[in-house]
Amino acid sequence: MAGDVSGFAANVKPLFRERDRDSMDFAFDLWSYEDVKANAEHILERLKEGEMPCDGEWPAEQIAVFERWIQGGKQP
């Protein structure tokens, strides 16, 4: 199904570019499953508000992928 999100490694980590990771390194690692899982709701809020990433908003579909990952239990 098109709306399926299997997990962090396959669906979420690839959404974050190296530039995104570098800009958030002071707070947490966007390529770390444990870090993103622990901060997922805050990250989603910032994505929806257009505050993240720092150089422009994500398309709605990318935000939806991230939100489905959260709703699906934040699988690794």
C-alpha atoms as a PDB file:
ATOM      1  CA  MET A   1       0.000   0.000   0.000  1.00  0.00           C
ATOM      2  CA  ALA A   2       1.285   3.478  -0.880  1.00  0.00           C
ATOM      3  CA  GLY A   3       0.702   4.807   2.642  1.00  0.00           C
ATOM      4  CA  ASP A   4       2.702   2.076   4.366  1.00  0.00           C
ATOM      5  CA  VAL A   5       5.777   3.103   6.306  1.00  0.00           C
ATOM      6  CA  SER A   6       7.908   0.155   7.307  1.00  0.00           C
ATOM      7  CA  GLY A   7      10.422   1.811   9.571  1.00  0.00           C
ATOM      8  CA  PHE A   8      13.019   4.418  10.381  1.00  0.00           C
ATOM      9  CA  ALA A   9      15.878   2.968   8.340  1.00  0.00           C
ATOM     10  CA  ALA A  10      13.824   2.491   5.179  1.00  0.00           C
ATOM     11  CA  ASN A  11      11.465   5.446   5.263  1.00  0.00           C
ATOM     12  CA  VAL A  12      12.442   8.143   7.745  1.00  0.00           C
ATOM     13  CA  LYS A  13      16.238   8.382   7.838  1.00  0.00           C
ATOM     14  CA  PRO A  14      16.430   8.971   4.051  1.00  0.00           C
ATOM     15  CA  LEU A  15      14.218  12.057   4.483  1.00  0.00           C
ATOM     16  CA  PHE A  16      16.968  13.805   6.456  1.00  0.00           C
ATOM     17  CA  ARG A  17      19.844  15.144   4.390  1.00  0.00           C
ATOM     18  CA  GLU A  18      23.401  15.443   5.651  1.00  0.00           C
ATOM     19  CA  ARG A  19      22.842  19.210   5.857  1.00  0.00           C
ATOM     20  CA  ASP A  20      19.814  18.652   8.119  1.00  0.00           C
ATOM     21  CA  ARG A  21      21.816  16.313  10.308  1.00  0.00           C
ATOM     22  CA  ASP A  22      24.698  18.770  10.605  1.00  0.00           C
ATOM     23  CA  SER A  23      22.406  21.676  11.495  1.00  0.00           C
ATOM     24  CA  MET A  24      20.725  19.723  14.330  1.00  0.00           C
ATOM     25  CA  ASP A  25      23.868  18.027  15.642  1.00  0.00           C
ATOM     26  CA  PHE A  26      23.931  20.347  18.677  1.00  0.00           C
ATOM     27  CA  ALA A  27      20.641  18.809  19.917  1.00  0.00           C
ATOM     28  CA  PHE A  28      20.442  15.279  18.509  1.00  0.00           C
ATOM     29  CA  ASP A  29      21.436  13.110  15.548  1.00  0.00           C
ATOM     30  CA  LEU A  30      18.767  12.954  12.835  1.00  0.00           C
ATOM     31  CA  TRP A  31      20.332   9.750  11.497  1.00  0.00           C
ATOM     32  CA  SER A  32      20.061   8.025  14.883  1.00  0.00           C
ATOM     33  CA  TYR A  33      16.930   5.922  15.362  1.00  0.00           C
ATOM     34  CA  GLU A  34      17.036   6.375  19.139  1.00  0.00           C
ATOM     35  CA  ASP A  35      17.480  10.165  18.924  1.00  0.00           C
ATOM     36  CA  VAL A  36      14.700  10.651  16.375  1.00  0.00           C
ATOM     37  CA  LYS A  37      12.375   8.274  18.227  1.00  0.00           C
ATOM     38  CA  ALA A  38      12.915  10.192  21.485  1.00  0.00           C
ATOM     39  CA  ASN A  39      12.263  13.567  19.800  1.00  0.00           C
ATOM     40  CA  ALA A  40       9.725  12.512  17.158  1.00  0.00           C
ATOM     41  CA  GLU A  41       6.756  14.560  18.345  1.00  0.00           C
ATOM     42  CA  HIS A  42       8.862  17.716  18.667  1.00  0.00           C
ATOM     43  CA  ILE A  43      10.393  17.138  15.221  1.00  0.00           C
ATOM     44  CA  LEU A  44       6.924  16.624  13.715  1.00  0.00           C
ATOM     45  CA  GLU A  45       5.682  19.852  15.291  1.00  0.00           C
ATOM     46  CA  ARG A  46       8.626  21.779  13.847  1.00  0.00           C
ATOM     47  CA  LEU A  47       8.135  20.176  10.434  1.00  0.00           C
ATOM     48  CA  LYS A  48       4.444  21.112  10.397  1.00  0.00           C
ATOM     49  CA  GLU A  49       5.253  24.681  11.446  1.00  0.00           C
ATOM     50  CA  GLY A  50       7.806  24.960   8.617  1.00  0.00           C
ATOM     51  CA  GLU A  51      10.649  25.598  11.066  1.00  0.00           C
ATOM     52  CA  MET A  52      12.542  22.513  10.026  1.00  0.00           C
ATOM     53  CA  PRO A  53      14.628  21.976   8.000  1.00  0.00           C
ATOM     54  CA  CYS A  54      16.376  25.290   8.246  1.00  0.00           C
ATOM     55  CA  ASP A  55      16.481  25.974   4.499  1.00  0.00           C
ATOM     56  CA  GLY A  56      12.831  25.421   3.611  1.00  0.00           C
ATOM     57  CA  GLU A  57       9.729  23.417   4.348  1.00  0.00           C
ATOM     58  CA  TRP A  58       9.281  19.751   3.572  1.00  0.00           C
ATOM     59  CA  PRO A  59       6.602  18.818   1.058  1.00  0.00           C
ATOM     60  CA  ALA A  60       3.355  17.597   2.667  1.00  0.00           C
ATOM     61  CA  GLU A  61       4.053  14.005   1.553  1.00  0.00           C
ATOM     62  CA  GLN A  62       7.347  13.874   3.439  1.00  0.00           C
ATOM     63  CA  ILE A  63       5.679  15.199   6.581  1.00  0.00           C
ATOM     64  CA  ALA A  64       2.959  12.573   6.120  1.00  0.00           C
ATOM     65  CA  VAL A  65       5.587   9.805   5.930  1.00  0.00           C
ATOM     66  CA  PHE A  66       7.132  10.997   9.177  1.00  0.00           C
ATOM     67  CA  GLU A  67       3.731  11.253  10.862  1.00  0.00           C
ATOM     68  CA  ARG A  68       2.720   7.748   9.696  1.00  0.00           C
ATOM     69  CA  TRP A  69       5.975   6.407  11.135  1.00  0.00           C
ATOM     70  CA  ILE A  70       5.073   7.908  14.518  1.00  0.00           C
ATOM     71  CA  GLN A  71       1.510   6.622  14.353  1.00  0.00           C
ATOM     72  CA  GLY A  72       2.802   3.187  13.347  1.00  0.00           C
ATOM     73  CA  GLY A  73       4.802   2.828  16.543  1.00  0.00           C
ATOM     74  CA  LYS A  74       8.142   4.347  15.472  1.00  0.00           C
ATOM     75  CA  GLN A  75       9.577   1.118  14.126  1.00  0.00           C
ATOM     76  CA  PRO A  76      13.369   0.877  13.626  1.00  0.00           C
END
